[in-house]
N, C-alpha and C. Protein backbone atom coordinates (compact mmCIF):
# COMPACT_ATOMS: atom_id res chain seq x y z
N MET A 1 30.02 52.17 55.45
CA MET A 1 29.66 53.37 54.64
C MET A 1 30.90 54.25 55.00
N GLU A 2 31.27 54.98 53.74
CA GLU A 2 32.56 55.97 53.94
C GLU A 2 31.92 57.35 53.82
N ASN A 3 32.65 57.98 54.84
CA ASN A 3 32.28 59.30 54.74
C ASN A 3 33.32 60.19 53.95
N LYS A 4 32.45 60.93 53.10
CA LYS A 4 33.41 61.58 52.09
C LYS A 4 33.09 63.26 52.27
N ILE A 5 34.11 63.97 52.17
CA ILE A 5 33.91 65.48 52.25
C ILE A 5 33.84 65.93 50.70
N ASN A 6 32.80 66.61 50.65
CA ASN A 6 32.77 67.30 49.41
C ASN A 6 33.37 68.49 49.24
N THR A 7 34.42 68.34 48.75
CA THR A 7 35.58 69.67 48.58
C THR A 7 34.88 70.51 47.62
N ASP A 8 34.11 70.34 46.75
CA ASP A 8 33.43 71.44 45.86
C ASP A 8 32.56 72.38 46.79
N SER A 9 31.93 71.78 47.70
CA SER A 9 31.03 72.40 48.83
C SER A 9 31.86 73.13 49.58
N LEU A 10 32.63 72.45 50.16
CA LEU A 10 33.55 73.05 51.07
C LEU A 10 34.38 74.18 50.70
N THR A 11 34.80 74.08 49.69
CA THR A 11 35.69 75.27 48.74
C THR A 11 34.66 76.49 48.56
N GLY A 12 33.58 76.11 48.25
CA GLY A 12 32.58 77.33 48.09
C GLY A 12 32.21 77.88 49.39
N VAL A 13 32.00 77.31 50.29
CA VAL A 13 31.80 77.75 51.47
C VAL A 13 33.06 78.69 52.06
N MET A 14 34.15 78.36 51.94
CA MET A 14 35.41 78.94 52.28
C MET A 14 35.57 80.10 51.40
N LYS A 15 35.19 80.07 50.40
CA LYS A 15 35.41 81.24 49.56
C LYS A 15 34.39 82.30 49.97
N ASN A 16 33.17 81.91 50.15
CA ASN A 16 32.34 82.82 50.69
C ASN A 16 32.72 83.47 52.14
N TRP A 17 33.02 82.44 52.96
CA TRP A 17 33.78 83.20 54.02
C TRP A 17 34.63 84.00 54.01
N GLN A 18 35.74 83.85 53.38
CA GLN A 18 36.84 84.79 53.10
C GLN A 18 36.33 86.03 52.41
N THR A 19 35.45 85.97 51.42
CA THR A 19 34.84 87.18 50.77
C THR A 19 33.99 87.99 51.92
N ASP A 20 33.28 87.41 52.94
CA ASP A 20 32.25 88.23 53.92
C ASP A 20 33.55 88.62 54.83
N MET A 21 34.41 88.00 55.05
CA MET A 21 35.60 88.37 56.12
C MET A 21 36.30 89.79 55.56
N ILE A 22 36.72 89.75 54.35
CA ILE A 22 37.22 90.93 53.89
C ILE A 22 36.15 92.06 53.71
N GLN A 23 35.20 91.84 53.36
CA GLN A 23 33.97 92.79 53.41
C GLN A 23 33.94 93.32 54.85
N PHE A 24 33.64 92.63 55.71
CA PHE A 24 33.67 92.93 57.25
C PHE A 24 34.82 93.75 57.56
N GLY A 25 35.90 93.37 57.16
CA GLY A 25 37.22 94.34 57.88
C GLY A 25 37.21 95.55 56.83
N LYS A 26 36.65 95.53 55.99
CA LYS A 26 36.47 96.81 55.02
C LYS A 26 35.43 97.96 55.85
N GLU A 27 34.33 97.21 55.92
CA GLU A 27 33.07 97.98 56.34
C GLU A 27 33.19 98.47 57.56
N ILE A 28 33.36 97.50 58.44
CA ILE A 28 33.26 97.50 60.04
C ILE A 28 34.50 98.00 60.81
N LEU A 29 35.50 97.03 60.34
CA LEU A 29 36.86 97.34 61.52
C LEU A 29 37.35 98.64 61.08
N ARG A 30 37.81 99.57 61.78
CA ARG A 30 38.40 100.80 61.62
C ARG A 30 39.85 100.96 61.94
N PRO A 31 40.92 101.37 61.11
CA PRO A 31 42.24 101.34 61.26
C PRO A 31 42.51 102.20 62.77
N GLY A 32 43.27 102.13 63.45
CA GLY A 32 43.37 103.13 64.76
C GLY A 32 42.63 102.69 65.71
N LYS A 33 41.49 102.02 65.46
CA LYS A 33 40.38 101.70 66.62
C LYS A 33 40.32 100.11 66.79
N ASP A 34 39.93 99.61 65.89
CA ASP A 34 39.88 97.96 65.80
C ASP A 34 41.23 97.36 65.68
N TYR A 35 41.99 98.02 64.83
CA TYR A 35 43.40 97.26 64.47
C TYR A 35 44.24 98.18 64.40
N GLY A 36 45.60 98.07 64.53
CA GLY A 36 46.64 98.82 64.31
C GLY A 36 48.01 98.47 63.57
N LEU A 37 48.68 99.34 63.23
CA LEU A 37 50.03 98.95 62.62
C LEU A 37 50.98 99.40 63.58
N ILE A 38 51.87 98.34 64.22
CA ILE A 38 52.74 98.51 65.06
C ILE A 38 54.23 97.87 64.43
N SER A 39 55.08 98.70 64.86
CA SER A 39 56.43 98.22 64.27
C SER A 39 56.89 96.87 64.89
N GLY A 40 57.35 96.09 63.94
CA GLY A 40 57.97 94.67 64.49
C GLY A 40 56.82 93.67 64.07
N PHE A 41 55.88 94.17 63.61
CA PHE A 41 54.76 93.16 63.03
C PHE A 41 54.43 93.37 61.47
N GLU A 42 54.28 92.01 61.08
CA GLU A 42 53.99 92.36 59.62
C GLU A 42 52.74 92.67 59.20
N LYS A 43 51.81 91.95 59.79
CA LYS A 43 50.43 92.15 59.76
C LYS A 43 49.97 93.23 60.62
N PRO A 44 48.63 93.82 60.29
CA PRO A 44 47.99 94.70 61.61
C PRO A 44 47.85 93.88 62.79
N VAL A 45 47.90 94.60 63.93
CA VAL A 45 47.51 93.82 65.05
C VAL A 45 46.06 94.11 65.54
N LEU A 46 45.32 93.05 65.77
CA LEU A 46 44.24 93.21 65.94
C LEU A 46 44.00 93.70 67.72
N LEU A 47 43.10 94.83 67.80
CA LEU A 47 43.16 95.51 68.95
C LEU A 47 41.94 94.90 69.94
N LYS A 48 41.62 95.27 71.05
CA LYS A 48 40.44 94.63 71.88
C LYS A 48 39.18 95.02 71.21
N PRO A 49 38.97 96.31 70.80
CA PRO A 49 37.47 96.73 69.99
C PRO A 49 37.33 95.89 68.87
N GLY A 50 38.26 95.68 68.18
CA GLY A 50 38.12 94.90 66.96
C GLY A 50 37.79 93.38 67.17
N ALA A 51 38.61 92.88 68.35
CA ALA A 51 38.11 91.47 68.90
C ALA A 51 36.73 91.46 69.46
N GLU A 52 36.21 92.32 70.01
CA GLU A 52 34.94 92.31 70.62
C GLU A 52 34.04 92.43 69.31
N LYS A 53 34.32 93.37 68.28
CA LYS A 53 33.23 93.19 67.21
C LYS A 53 33.29 91.90 66.53
N LEU A 54 34.59 91.22 66.42
CA LEU A 54 34.50 89.81 65.69
C LEU A 54 33.77 88.74 66.57
N CYS A 55 33.74 88.85 67.63
CA CYS A 55 32.98 88.21 68.80
C CYS A 55 31.51 88.25 68.41
N LYS A 56 31.03 89.43 68.25
CA LYS A 56 29.78 89.92 67.99
C LYS A 56 29.47 89.05 66.71
N ALA A 57 30.27 89.27 65.88
CA ALA A 57 29.89 88.98 64.38
C ALA A 57 29.77 87.22 64.07
N TYR A 58 30.54 86.80 65.21
CA TYR A 58 30.62 85.27 65.03
C TYR A 58 29.71 84.61 66.11
N ASN A 59 29.11 85.66 66.97
CA ASN A 59 28.13 85.00 67.96
C ASN A 59 28.95 84.20 68.87
N LEU A 60 30.11 84.74 69.46
CA LEU A 60 31.06 84.09 70.51
C LEU A 60 30.50 84.53 71.94
N GLN A 61 30.70 83.80 72.79
CA GLN A 61 30.91 84.35 74.28
C GLN A 61 31.91 83.74 75.05
N ILE A 62 32.27 84.36 75.85
CA ILE A 62 33.30 84.14 76.74
C ILE A 62 32.97 83.17 77.68
N LYS A 63 33.56 81.97 77.39
CA LYS A 63 33.05 80.71 78.54
C LYS A 63 34.07 80.97 79.90
N ASN A 64 35.15 81.32 79.81
CA ASN A 64 36.10 81.43 80.99
C ASN A 64 37.07 82.46 80.50
N LEU A 65 37.62 83.51 81.44
CA LEU A 65 38.52 84.35 81.57
C LEU A 65 39.24 84.10 82.68
N ASP A 66 39.87 83.19 83.02
CA ASP A 66 40.53 82.82 84.39
C ASP A 66 42.07 83.24 84.48
N CYS A 67 42.48 83.82 85.75
CA CYS A 67 43.72 83.45 86.25
C CYS A 67 44.33 82.35 86.45
N VAL A 68 45.27 81.98 85.71
CA VAL A 68 45.89 80.56 85.66
C VAL A 68 47.30 80.56 86.57
N ASN A 69 48.02 81.77 86.44
CA ASN A 69 49.19 81.96 87.30
C ASN A 69 49.38 83.11 87.51
N GLU A 70 49.76 83.50 88.90
CA GLU A 70 49.94 85.12 89.39
C GLU A 70 51.26 84.77 90.17
N VAL A 71 52.27 85.67 89.96
CA VAL A 71 53.58 85.73 90.67
C VAL A 71 53.36 87.18 91.28
N PHE A 72 53.55 87.49 92.52
CA PHE A 72 53.34 88.60 92.95
C PHE A 72 54.46 89.08 94.03
N ASN A 73 55.81 89.58 93.96
CA ASN A 73 56.81 89.61 94.80
C ASN A 73 57.03 91.29 95.04
N PRO A 74 56.22 91.91 96.21
CA PRO A 74 56.45 93.05 96.25
C PRO A 74 58.08 93.81 96.69
N ASP A 75 58.69 92.75 97.10
CA ASP A 75 60.22 92.93 97.48
C ASP A 75 61.05 93.35 96.36
N LYS A 76 60.78 92.62 95.41
CA LYS A 76 61.75 92.80 94.00
C LYS A 76 61.46 94.10 93.49
N PRO A 77 60.45 94.68 93.10
CA PRO A 77 59.34 94.30 92.86
C PRO A 77 58.88 93.42 91.46
N PHE A 78 58.32 92.55 91.63
CA PHE A 78 58.01 91.78 90.55
C PHE A 78 56.59 91.22 90.27
N ILE A 79 55.96 91.54 89.06
CA ILE A 79 54.58 91.03 89.08
C ILE A 79 54.43 89.90 87.72
N ASP A 80 54.03 88.92 87.54
CA ASP A 80 53.91 88.19 86.44
C ASP A 80 52.50 87.42 86.41
N VAL A 81 51.63 87.77 85.47
CA VAL A 81 50.32 87.04 85.33
C VAL A 81 49.89 86.47 84.36
N THR A 82 49.16 85.32 84.27
CA THR A 82 48.71 84.67 82.88
C THR A 82 47.48 84.32 83.17
N TYR A 83 46.68 84.68 82.23
CA TYR A 83 45.05 84.36 82.13
C TYR A 83 45.08 83.62 80.99
N LYS A 84 43.95 82.78 81.04
CA LYS A 84 43.45 81.80 80.04
C LYS A 84 42.00 82.27 79.75
N CYS A 85 41.65 82.31 78.24
CA CYS A 85 40.44 82.62 77.85
C CYS A 85 39.81 81.37 77.08
N VAL A 86 38.60 81.27 77.29
CA VAL A 86 37.78 80.04 76.63
C VAL A 86 36.71 80.81 75.82
N LEU A 87 36.56 80.89 74.58
CA LEU A 87 35.52 81.32 73.76
C LEU A 87 34.46 80.26 73.29
N SER A 88 33.42 80.27 73.26
CA SER A 88 32.39 79.28 72.93
C SER A 88 31.22 79.61 72.02
N SER A 89 30.89 78.84 71.29
CA SER A 89 29.44 79.01 70.42
C SER A 89 28.40 79.31 71.39
N LYS A 90 27.26 79.74 71.13
CA LYS A 90 26.18 79.85 71.75
C LYS A 90 25.57 78.63 72.15
N ASP A 91 26.04 77.58 71.57
CA ASP A 91 25.76 76.23 71.75
C ASP A 91 26.71 75.37 72.70
N GLY A 92 27.67 76.24 73.16
CA GLY A 92 28.56 75.67 74.16
C GLY A 92 29.71 74.87 73.76
N PHE A 93 29.96 75.03 72.54
CA PHE A 93 31.16 74.43 71.89
C PHE A 93 32.39 75.20 71.83
N ASN A 94 33.46 74.74 72.69
CA ASN A 94 34.65 75.77 72.64
C ASN A 94 35.11 75.85 71.29
N LEU A 95 35.45 76.94 70.89
CA LEU A 95 36.00 77.42 69.61
C LEU A 95 37.36 77.96 69.72
N GLY A 96 37.90 78.60 70.70
CA GLY A 96 39.12 79.36 70.91
C GLY A 96 39.63 79.31 72.09
N VAL A 97 40.81 79.15 72.42
CA VAL A 97 41.43 78.89 73.61
C VAL A 97 42.86 79.54 73.45
N CYS A 98 43.13 80.46 74.53
CA CYS A 98 44.32 81.13 74.52
C CYS A 98 45.01 81.68 75.57
N GLU A 99 46.12 81.65 76.20
CA GLU A 99 46.68 82.10 77.29
C GLU A 99 47.08 83.45 76.86
N GLY A 100 47.23 84.36 77.95
CA GLY A 100 47.83 85.49 77.56
C GLY A 100 48.68 85.90 79.11
N ASN A 101 49.84 86.56 78.74
CA ASN A 101 50.96 86.94 79.72
C ASN A 101 51.05 88.28 79.53
N ALA A 102 51.54 88.83 80.93
CA ALA A 102 52.17 90.30 81.05
C ALA A 102 53.08 90.25 82.43
N ASN A 103 54.08 90.98 82.49
CA ASN A 103 54.91 91.09 83.58
C ASN A 103 55.53 92.32 83.60
N SER A 104 56.21 92.49 85.08
CA SER A 104 56.60 93.95 85.06
C SER A 104 58.15 93.83 84.62
N GLU A 105 58.48 93.18 84.08
CA GLU A 105 59.87 93.09 83.33
C GLU A 105 59.71 93.61 81.79
N GLU A 106 58.43 93.72 81.28
CA GLU A 106 58.21 94.33 80.05
C GLU A 106 58.75 95.72 80.01
N PRO A 107 59.36 96.31 79.15
CA PRO A 107 59.76 97.63 79.20
C PRO A 107 58.72 98.71 79.44
N LYS A 108 57.65 98.71 78.97
CA LYS A 108 56.66 99.60 79.14
C LYS A 108 56.07 99.71 80.60
N PHE A 109 56.46 98.77 81.44
CA PHE A 109 56.36 98.69 82.76
C PHE A 109 57.53 98.99 83.62
N LYS A 110 58.46 98.37 83.07
CA LYS A 110 59.84 98.35 83.88
C LYS A 110 60.19 99.77 83.87
N TYR A 111 60.34 100.68 82.79
CA TYR A 111 60.92 102.08 83.03
C TYR A 111 59.93 102.97 82.65
N ILE A 112 60.31 104.19 83.24
CA ILE A 112 59.44 105.35 83.04
C ILE A 112 60.34 106.39 82.45
N TYR A 113 59.78 107.45 81.88
CA TYR A 113 60.76 108.43 81.35
C TYR A 113 60.49 109.75 82.18
N CYS A 114 61.51 110.16 82.85
CA CYS A 114 61.49 111.45 83.69
C CYS A 114 61.92 112.74 83.22
N ARG A 115 61.09 113.76 83.37
CA ARG A 115 61.70 115.01 83.02
C ARG A 115 63.01 115.31 83.40
N THR A 116 63.88 115.99 82.70
CA THR A 116 65.19 116.35 83.22
C THR A 116 65.25 117.83 82.70
N ASN A 117 66.20 118.53 83.41
CA ASN A 117 66.70 120.16 82.84
C ASN A 117 67.72 120.00 81.81
N LEU A 118 68.17 118.91 81.41
CA LEU A 118 69.37 118.76 80.55
C LEU A 118 68.65 119.43 78.99
N ARG A 119 69.61 120.16 78.31
CA ARG A 119 69.33 120.29 76.83
C ARG A 119 70.61 119.95 76.36
N PRO A 120 70.66 118.73 75.95
CA PRO A 120 71.97 118.17 75.31
C PRO A 120 71.85 118.74 73.55
N PRO A 121 73.05 118.82 73.28
CA PRO A 121 72.98 119.13 71.74
C PRO A 121 72.33 118.08 71.15
N LYS A 122 72.18 118.19 69.70
CA LYS A 122 71.20 117.34 69.22
C LYS A 122 72.04 115.78 68.80
N SER A 123 73.34 115.97 68.75
CA SER A 123 74.03 114.75 68.50
C SER A 123 74.08 113.87 69.68
N GLU A 124 74.08 114.50 71.22
CA GLU A 124 74.07 113.69 72.31
C GLU A 124 72.48 113.18 72.35
N ALA A 125 71.63 114.09 72.38
CA ALA A 125 70.32 113.74 72.30
C ALA A 125 69.88 112.40 71.41
N ASP A 126 70.32 112.67 69.84
CA ASP A 126 70.20 111.55 69.12
C ASP A 126 70.93 110.26 69.90
N LYS A 127 72.13 110.17 70.41
CA LYS A 127 72.79 109.04 71.01
C LYS A 127 71.81 108.64 72.00
N LEU A 128 71.36 109.40 72.97
CA LEU A 128 70.63 108.73 73.94
C LEU A 128 69.35 108.04 73.35
N LYS A 129 68.86 108.70 72.55
CA LYS A 129 67.55 108.01 72.03
C LYS A 129 67.95 106.67 71.11
N SER A 130 68.92 106.73 70.49
CA SER A 130 69.25 105.16 69.86
C SER A 130 69.77 104.23 70.90
N GLU A 131 70.33 104.56 71.98
CA GLU A 131 70.69 103.57 73.04
C GLU A 131 69.70 103.35 73.94
N GLY A 132 68.34 103.97 73.71
CA GLY A 132 67.16 103.64 74.64
C GLY A 132 67.29 104.23 75.89
N LYS A 133 68.06 105.27 75.95
CA LYS A 133 68.41 105.93 77.32
C LYS A 133 67.56 107.29 77.60
N GLY A 134 66.87 107.76 76.57
CA GLY A 134 66.01 109.15 76.60
C GLY A 134 65.50 109.48 75.51
N LYS A 135 64.41 110.48 75.50
CA LYS A 135 63.94 110.88 74.38
C LYS A 135 63.39 112.13 74.76
N TRP A 136 62.83 112.91 73.64
CA TRP A 136 62.34 114.17 73.82
C TRP A 136 60.85 113.97 73.73
N ILE A 137 60.26 114.86 74.68
CA ILE A 137 58.82 114.96 75.09
C ILE A 137 58.18 116.14 74.84
N LYS A 138 57.10 116.54 74.35
CA LYS A 138 56.38 117.58 74.42
C LYS A 138 55.67 118.03 75.74
N ALA A 139 56.16 119.12 76.35
CA ALA A 139 55.50 119.76 77.35
C ALA A 139 54.94 121.21 77.35
N GLY A 140 53.87 121.38 77.02
CA GLY A 140 52.94 122.69 76.47
C GLY A 140 53.54 123.02 75.29
N ASN A 141 54.24 124.17 75.14
CA ASN A 141 54.85 124.41 73.90
C ASN A 141 56.26 124.16 73.55
N ASP A 142 56.79 123.37 74.71
CA ASP A 142 58.23 123.38 74.71
C ASP A 142 58.62 121.80 74.41
N TRP A 143 59.71 121.49 73.97
CA TRP A 143 60.32 119.86 74.15
C TRP A 143 61.37 120.04 75.18
N ILE A 144 61.26 118.94 75.85
CA ILE A 144 62.12 118.82 77.19
C ILE A 144 62.87 117.44 77.02
N CYS A 145 63.83 117.31 77.56
CA CYS A 145 64.60 115.82 77.55
C CYS A 145 64.12 115.22 78.53
N ALA A 146 63.75 113.90 78.37
CA ALA A 146 63.42 112.94 79.48
C ALA A 146 64.21 111.84 79.36
N GLU A 147 64.48 111.41 80.25
CA GLU A 147 65.79 110.55 80.85
C GLU A 147 64.90 109.15 81.33
N LYS A 148 65.43 107.89 80.65
CA LYS A 148 64.73 106.68 81.02
C LYS A 148 65.48 106.04 82.07
N ARG A 149 64.30 105.85 83.17
CA ARG A 149 64.75 105.13 84.45
C ARG A 149 64.05 103.98 84.76
N LEU A 150 64.52 103.34 85.75
CA LEU A 150 63.84 101.95 86.45
C LEU A 150 62.63 102.60 87.11
N ASN A 151 61.57 102.00 86.62
CA ASN A 151 60.26 102.26 87.52
C ASN A 151 60.25 101.66 88.76
N ARG A 152 60.29 102.55 90.00
CA ARG A 152 60.36 101.91 91.23
C ARG A 152 58.89 101.73 91.76
N GLU A 153 57.89 102.25 91.01
CA GLU A 153 56.44 102.19 91.48
C GLU A 153 55.67 101.14 90.71
N VAL A 154 56.49 99.92 90.16
CA VAL A 154 55.66 99.05 89.65
C VAL A 154 54.65 98.25 90.28
N ILE A 155 54.56 98.48 91.30
CA ILE A 155 53.38 97.66 92.24
C ILE A 155 52.06 98.20 91.99
N GLY A 156 52.09 99.57 91.60
CA GLY A 156 50.92 100.62 91.31
C GLY A 156 50.30 100.02 90.16
N GLN A 157 51.20 99.46 89.27
CA GLN A 157 50.66 98.91 87.88
C GLN A 157 49.84 97.46 87.98
N LYS A 158 50.00 96.84 89.10
CA LYS A 158 49.52 95.71 89.09
C LYS A 158 48.24 95.43 88.30
N ASN A 159 47.15 96.32 88.55
CA ASN A 159 45.91 96.01 87.82
C ASN A 159 45.92 96.52 86.55
N THR A 160 46.78 97.13 86.01
CA THR A 160 47.12 97.30 84.32
C THR A 160 47.84 96.16 83.72
N ILE A 161 48.46 95.65 84.46
CA ILE A 161 49.36 94.16 84.19
C ILE A 161 48.60 93.02 83.91
N LYS A 162 47.55 93.00 84.87
CA LYS A 162 46.39 91.84 84.73
C LYS A 162 45.53 92.18 83.58
N LYS A 163 45.13 93.47 83.36
CA LYS A 163 44.10 93.76 82.09
C LYS A 163 44.89 93.55 81.01
N ILE A 164 46.22 93.82 80.99
CA ILE A 164 46.90 93.48 79.63
C ILE A 164 46.97 91.99 79.41
N ALA A 165 47.21 91.10 80.48
CA ALA A 165 47.15 89.58 80.43
C ALA A 165 45.86 89.04 79.86
N GLN A 166 44.73 89.71 80.54
CA GLN A 166 43.39 89.31 80.15
C GLN A 166 43.12 89.60 78.65
N LYS A 167 43.58 90.82 78.09
CA LYS A 167 43.30 91.26 77.03
C LYS A 167 44.15 90.42 75.90
N ARG A 168 45.20 90.12 76.08
CA ARG A 168 46.16 89.20 75.22
C ARG A 168 45.57 87.79 75.26
N ALA A 169 44.94 87.47 76.17
CA ALA A 169 44.30 86.06 76.05
C ALA A 169 43.14 86.17 75.27
N PHE A 170 42.16 87.24 75.57
CA PHE A 170 40.94 87.30 75.03
C PHE A 170 41.18 87.40 73.34
N VAL A 171 42.20 88.28 72.95
CA VAL A 171 42.64 88.50 71.44
C VAL A 171 43.01 87.34 70.79
N GLY A 172 43.96 86.62 71.50
CA GLY A 172 44.32 85.64 71.09
C GLY A 172 43.27 84.28 70.82
N ALA A 173 42.27 84.27 71.51
CA ALA A 173 41.15 83.09 71.37
C ALA A 173 40.39 83.71 70.49
N VAL A 174 40.02 85.04 70.25
CA VAL A 174 39.31 85.55 68.99
C VAL A 174 39.90 85.23 67.96
N LEU A 175 41.23 85.21 67.71
CA LEU A 175 41.99 85.01 66.39
C LEU A 175 41.79 83.43 66.07
N MET A 176 41.90 82.87 67.27
CA MET A 176 41.67 81.26 66.83
C MET A 176 40.31 80.75 66.60
N ALA A 177 39.22 81.36 67.28
CA ALA A 177 38.00 81.17 67.07
C ALA A 177 37.44 81.59 65.72
N THR A 178 37.93 82.81 65.18
CA THR A 178 37.50 83.38 63.85
C THR A 178 38.12 82.91 62.77
N CYS A 179 39.55 82.35 63.06
CA CYS A 179 40.32 81.83 61.94
C CYS A 179 40.70 83.05 61.10
N THR A 180 41.15 84.29 61.96
CA THR A 180 41.45 85.56 60.99
C THR A 180 43.05 85.71 61.39
N SER A 181 43.91 84.72 61.83
CA SER A 181 45.19 85.02 61.85
C SER A 181 45.76 85.14 60.59
N GLU A 182 45.11 85.01 59.59
CA GLU A 182 45.91 85.31 58.37
C GLU A 182 45.70 86.95 58.07
N TYR A 183 44.79 87.57 58.65
CA TYR A 183 44.65 88.94 58.67
C TYR A 183 45.22 89.72 59.67
N PHE A 184 45.30 89.12 60.85
CA PHE A 184 45.96 90.01 61.88
C PHE A 184 46.89 89.14 62.88
N SER A 185 47.52 89.93 63.42
CA SER A 185 48.55 89.33 64.62
C SER A 185 48.08 90.12 66.03
N GLN A 186 48.69 89.71 66.79
CA GLN A 186 48.55 90.31 68.27
C GLN A 186 49.77 91.04 68.87
N ASP A 187 49.63 91.68 69.71
CA ASP A 187 50.64 92.13 70.26
C ASP A 187 50.91 91.33 71.68
C-alpha cells in the first residue's frame, strides 16, 4: 500500500493557516509591544510578549528551559550563558527547540554611557557619535554629553544576561514551533 499525500487538501490547510496567521497578527499582535522594528533586521522582531501570545494561540507549553552552558569569570569579568528551550504540544510532542545565548561582551553589557561636563561643538559631538564613543542624552530639560566607557560593573548584570539568553531561546523555539519565521525575526 502506497502512502500518498493529498496535495489539494494540504494546500487548502496551509492557505487557511496563512490567512489565520495574518489575521492573528493584525488583530492580536501589537507593534511596539509584541513585535518591533529594529535597525539591521529586514523583518519585524518578535518580542517576548508576542511569543507568549503565539504560545497561547498554538496551545504550546514549555517542556524545558534549561541552562546548557555557563561561563562565569569574575576576574576578567566575563559572563557567557546559553539556555535551551523545548516547546511541546499538550500531547507532549516536541515542536520547537532553540538555544539562546547572551554574554557580557555584547555592547549593551560591555559599555555604559557616563555623563560628562563636556560641551563639545556640534561637529565634535557628531564625530564622537559616529565613532561610537559618545552621545547626547536628555537630563531633565537639558541635553548633556555622555561618554562611552567600559562597564566595570558587568558582574551586577549576571541575572539580566541570563534572562536575555532565556528569552532568546524561548522566542526562537516559538518561531520554530509556530512556523512564523516568514513573518518575524528575533534579536
